[in-house]
Amino acid sequence: MKTNAPLQWPLILGLASLVLLHPVAHVGGLQRLLGTPATPLLLVMVTAGVWIASVGLSNITRPVLSMVLASVFYGTFNLVLGFVAARFTGQGILQAPSGIGLGIGMVAVLLTSMFWGLVAGLLALLVQRLGGFHPQRNTTP
């Protein structure tokens, strides 16, 4: 059975924009305060919590697909921010090997992001089901 409900693009792009927490934390001094291993982990946990809560506690009819798409945009925004930051600071992703190595790295970032989007989407779906939300299904083939 499938649902033909439209995707909530403002929500998807809004969730993806949480990638901006990383440079804000760096500029705001959180990175210096908490250190390198703790800050990225904290930001990933906050991002995942916001994603799962905002989709799981809502009536989004396609939570898994929405989260996977949000994660693709998140990964894409992350790569673009890395390129921009590297351009202005002389550090980061542009110092990686060019050519096929860089391409493989970019694909790995996007696939990893998609995987975690899938996990978050499944958790959001679980939250929805536990909360009693079951979208109407179109049973026509």
C-alpha atoms as a PDB file:
ATOM      1  CA  MET A   1       0.000   0.000   0.000  1.00  0.00           C
ATOM      2  CA  LYS A   2       1.251   3.436  -0.775  1.00  0.00           C
ATOM      3  CA  THR A   3       0.289   6.949   0.107  1.00  0.00           C
ATOM      4  CA  ASN A   4       0.214   9.761  -2.405  1.00  0.00           C
ATOM      5  CA  ALA A   5       0.464  12.522   0.181  1.00  0.00           C
ATOM      6  CA  PRO A   6       2.712  15.398  -0.861  1.00  0.00           C
ATOM      7  CA  LEU A   7       6.052  15.867   0.777  1.00  0.00           C
ATOM      8  CA  GLN A   8       6.473  18.745   3.218  1.00  0.00           C
ATOM      9  CA  TRP A   9       9.352  20.530   1.465  1.00  0.00           C
ATOM     10  CA  PRO A  10       9.614  23.463   3.901  1.00  0.00           C
ATOM     11  CA  LEU A  11      10.017  20.983   6.759  1.00  0.00           C
ATOM     12  CA  ILE A  12      12.539  18.880   4.825  1.00  0.00           C
ATOM     13  CA  LEU A  13      14.692  21.895   3.968  1.00  0.00           C
ATOM     14  CA  GLY A  14      14.255  23.324   7.463  1.00  0.00           C
ATOM     15  CA  LEU A  15      15.537  20.115   9.024  1.00  0.00           C
ATOM     16  CA  ALA A  16      18.455  20.062   6.595  1.00  0.00           C
ATOM     17  CA  SER A  17      19.336  23.639   7.512  1.00  0.00           C
ATOM     18  CA  LEU A  18      20.240  22.462  11.012  1.00  0.00           C
ATOM     19  CA  VAL A  19      23.653  21.718   9.489  1.00  0.00           C
ATOM     20  CA  LEU A  20      24.247  25.428  10.112  1.00  0.00           C
ATOM     21  CA  LEU A  21      24.554  24.645  13.825  1.00  0.00           C
ATOM     22  CA  HIS A  22      28.098  23.425  13.178  1.00  0.00           C
ATOM     23  CA  PRO A  23      29.591  26.707  11.908  1.00  0.00           C
ATOM     24  CA  VAL A  24      27.526  28.684  14.430  1.00  0.00           C
ATOM     25  CA  ALA A  25      28.954  26.552  17.248  1.00  0.00           C
ATOM     26  CA  HIS A  26      32.442  27.118  15.900  1.00  0.00           C
ATOM     27  CA  VAL A  27      32.054  30.888  15.525  1.00  0.00           C
ATOM     28  CA  GLY A  28      30.156  31.171  18.821  1.00  0.00           C
ATOM     29  CA  GLY A  29      32.942  29.508  20.780  1.00  0.00           C
ATOM     30  CA  LEU A  30      31.141  26.290  21.713  1.00  0.00           C
ATOM     31  CA  GLN A  31      33.812  24.316  19.861  1.00  0.00           C
ATOM     32  CA  ARG A  32      36.521  25.913  22.015  1.00  0.00           C
ATOM     33  CA  LEU A  33      34.503  25.460  25.204  1.00  0.00           C
ATOM     34  CA  LEU A  34      33.566  21.784  24.828  1.00  0.00           C
ATOM     35  CA  GLY A  35      36.374  20.598  22.585  1.00  0.00           C
ATOM     36  CA  THR A  36      36.473  18.826  19.258  1.00  0.00           C
ATOM     37  CA  PRO A  37      35.080  15.386  20.070  1.00  0.00           C
ATOM     38  CA  ALA A  38      32.265  16.610  22.322  1.00  0.00           C
ATOM     39  CA  THR A  39      30.901  19.468  20.203  1.00  0.00           C
ATOM     40  CA  PRO A  40      30.199  17.549  16.976  1.00  0.00           C
ATOM     41  CA  LEU A  41      28.645  14.685  18.952  1.00  0.00           C
ATOM     42  CA  LEU A  42      26.447  17.097  20.889  1.00  0.00           C
ATOM     43  CA  LEU A  43      25.345  18.831  17.693  1.00  0.00           C
ATOM     44  CA  VAL A  44      24.542  15.509  15.994  1.00  0.00           C
ATOM     45  CA  MET A  45      22.486  14.416  19.023  1.00  0.00           C
ATOM     46  CA  VAL A  46      20.615  17.742  19.112  1.00  0.00           C
ATOM     47  CA  THR A  47      19.977  17.562  15.363  1.00  0.00           C
ATOM     48  CA  ALA A  48      18.730  13.959  15.583  1.00  0.00           C
ATOM     49  CA  GLY A  49      16.507  14.807  18.532  1.00  0.00           C
ATOM     50  CA  VAL A  50      14.964  17.768  16.728  1.00  0.00           C
ATOM     51  CA  TRP A  51      14.454  15.723  13.564  1.00  0.00           C
ATOM     52  CA  ILE A  52      12.831  12.772  15.333  1.00  0.00           C
ATOM     53  CA  ALA A  53      10.658  14.962  17.566  1.00  0.00           C
ATOM     54  CA  SER A  54       9.518  17.358  14.843  1.00  0.00           C
ATOM     55  CA  VAL A  55       8.547  14.566  12.459  1.00  0.00           C
ATOM     56  CA  GLY A  56       7.555  11.923  15.003  1.00  0.00           C
ATOM     57  CA  LEU A  57       5.241  14.225  16.923  1.00  0.00           C
ATOM     58  CA  SER A  58       3.587  15.599  13.795  1.00  0.00           C
ATOM     59  CA  ASN A  59       1.185  14.220  11.223  1.00  0.00           C
ATOM     60  CA  ILE A  60       3.737  13.930   8.440  1.00  0.00           C
ATOM     61  CA  THR A  61       2.439  11.096   6.284  1.00  0.00           C
ATOM     62  CA  ARG A  62       5.801  10.041   4.830  1.00  0.00           C
ATOM     63  CA  PRO A  63       8.266  10.353   7.712  1.00  0.00           C
ATOM     64  CA  VAL A  64      10.946   7.959   6.463  1.00  0.00           C
ATOM     65  CA  LEU A  65      11.132   9.440   2.964  1.00  0.00           C
ATOM     66  CA  SER A  66      11.025  12.970   4.395  1.00  0.00           C
ATOM     67  CA  MET A  67      13.926  12.229   6.728  1.00  0.00           C
ATOM     68  CA  VAL A  68      15.997  10.525   4.029  1.00  0.00           C
ATOM     69  CA  LEU A  69      15.507  13.541   1.751  1.00  0.00           C
ATOM     70  CA  ALA A  70      16.330  15.918   4.613  1.00  0.00           C
ATOM     71  CA  SER A  71      19.525  13.953   5.229  1.00  0.00           C
ATOM     72  CA  VAL A  72      20.518  14.169   1.557  1.00  0.00           C
ATOM     73  CA  PHE A  73      20.124  17.937   1.672  1.00  0.00           C
ATOM     74  CA  TYR A  74      21.909  18.013   5.042  1.00  0.00           C
ATOM     75  CA  GLY A  75      24.876  16.153   3.562  1.00  0.00           C
ATOM     76  CA  THR A  76      24.857  18.350   0.458  1.00  0.00           C
ATOM     77  CA  PHE A  77      24.734  21.538   2.539  1.00  0.00           C
ATOM     78  CA  ASN A  78      27.531  20.131   4.696  1.00  0.00           C
ATOM     79  CA  LEU A  79      29.727  19.525   1.645  1.00  0.00           C
ATOM     80  CA  VAL A  80      29.004  22.991   0.240  1.00  0.00           C
ATOM     81  CA  LEU A  81      29.790  24.605   3.607  1.00  0.00           C
ATOM     82  CA  GLY A  82      33.025  22.613   3.728  1.00  0.00           C
ATOM     83  CA  PHE A  83      34.037  23.849   0.274  1.00  0.00           C
ATOM     84  CA  VAL A  84      33.167  27.456   1.138  1.00  0.00           C
ATOM     85  CA  ALA A  85      35.003  27.301   4.463  1.00  0.00           C
ATOM     86  CA  ALA A  86      38.032  25.718   2.828  1.00  0.00           C
ATOM     87  CA  ARG A  87      38.056  28.415   0.175  1.00  0.00           C
ATOM     88  CA  PHE A  88      38.209  31.189   2.751  1.00  0.00           C
ATOM     89  CA  THR A  89      40.362  29.558   5.419  1.00  0.00           C
ATOM     90  CA  GLY A  90      42.702  27.411   3.346  1.00  0.00           C
ATOM     91  CA  GLN A  91      41.758  24.388   5.450  1.00  0.00           C
ATOM     92  CA  GLY A  92      39.316  21.550   5.143  1.00  0.00           C
ATOM     93  CA  ILE A  93      37.944  19.534   2.294  1.00  0.00           C
ATOM     94  CA  LEU A  94      39.905  21.205  -0.497  1.00  0.00           C
ATOM     95  CA  GLN A  95      43.135  19.844   0.965  1.00  0.00           C
ATOM     96  CA  ALA A  96      41.888  16.290   0.397  1.00  0.00           C
ATOM     97  CA  PRO A  97      43.187  14.444  -2.644  1.00  0.00           C
ATOM     98  CA  SER A  98      41.489  15.697  -5.741  1.00  0.00           C
ATOM     99  CA  GLY A  99      39.835  13.655  -8.446  1.00  0.00           C
ATOM    100  CA  ILE A 100      38.501  10.236  -7.633  1.00  0.00           C
ATOM    101  CA  GLY A 101      39.469  10.421  -3.942  1.00  0.00           C
ATOM    102  CA  LEU A 102      37.428  13.567  -3.464  1.00  0.00           C
ATOM    103  CA  GLY A 103      34.507  12.070  -5.393  1.00  0.00           C
ATOM    104  CA  ILE A 104      34.530   8.921  -3.273  1.00  0.00           C
ATOM    105  CA  GLY A 105      34.664  11.064  -0.138  1.00  0.00           C
ATOM    106  CA  MET A 106      31.658  13.104  -1.238  1.00  0.00           C
ATOM    107  CA  VAL A 107      29.655   9.954  -2.035  1.00  0.00           C
ATOM    108  CA  ALA A 108      30.624   8.507   1.354  1.00  0.00           C
ATOM    109  CA  VAL A 109      29.385  11.667   3.115  1.00  0.00           C
ATOM    110  CA  LEU A 110      26.047  11.513   1.295  1.00  0.00           C
ATOM    111  CA  LEU A 111      25.570   7.767   1.846  1.00  0.00           C
ATOM    112  CA  THR A 112      26.382   8.092   5.542  1.00  0.00           C
ATOM    113  CA  SER A 113      23.976  10.985   5.836  1.00  0.00           C
ATOM    114  CA  MET A 114      21.268   8.992   4.045  1.00  0.00           C
ATOM    115  CA  PHE A 115      21.781   6.044   6.367  1.00  0.00           C
ATOM    116  CA  TRP A 116      21.333   8.193   9.477  1.00  0.00           C
ATOM    117  CA  GLY A 117      18.334   9.877   7.843  1.00  0.00           C
ATOM    118  CA  LEU A 118      16.803   6.441   7.332  1.00  0.00           C
ATOM    119  CA  VAL A 119      17.451   5.522  10.974  1.00  0.00           C
ATOM    120  CA  ALA A 120      15.966   8.831  12.169  1.00  0.00           C
ATOM    121  CA  GLY A 121      12.987   8.383   9.846  1.00  0.00           C
ATOM    122  CA  LEU A 122      12.289   4.910  11.197  1.00  0.00           C
ATOM    123  CA  LEU A 123      12.510   6.231  14.763  1.00  0.00           C
ATOM    124  CA  ALA A 124      10.134   9.089  13.859  1.00  0.00           C
ATOM    125  CA  LEU A 125       7.740   6.553  12.330  1.00  0.00           C
ATOM    126  CA  LEU A 126       7.919   4.528  15.544  1.00  0.00           C
ATOM    127  CA  VAL A 127       7.136   7.652  17.584  1.00  0.00           C
ATOM    128  CA  GLN A 128       4.159   8.355  15.316  1.00  0.00           C
ATOM    129  CA  ARG A 129       2.810   4.816  15.658  1.00  0.00           C
ATOM    130  CA  LEU A 130       3.280   4.813  19.419  1.00  0.00           C
ATOM    131  CA  GLY A 131       1.407   8.130  19.481  1.00  0.00           C
ATOM    132  CA  GLY A 132      -1.462   6.582  17.543  1.00  0.00           C
ATOM    133  CA  PHE A 133      -0.966   8.336  14.198  1.00  0.00           C
ATOM    134  CA  HIS A 134      -1.678   6.143  11.182  1.00  0.00           C
ATOM    135  CA  PRO A 135      -1.984   7.994   7.863  1.00  0.00           C
ATOM    136  CA  GLN A 136      -4.828   7.196   5.524  1.00  0.00           C
ATOM    137  CA  ARG A 137      -3.641   4.797   2.874  1.00  0.00           C
ATOM    138  CA  ASN A 138      -4.630   4.734  -0.757  1.00  0.00           C
ATOM    139  CA  THR A 139      -5.391   1.079  -1.439  1.00  0.00           C
ATOM    140  CA  THR A 140      -5.850   1.432  -5.187  1.00  0.00           C
ATOM    141  CA  PRO A 141      -3.044  -0.125  -7.246  1.00  0.00           C
END
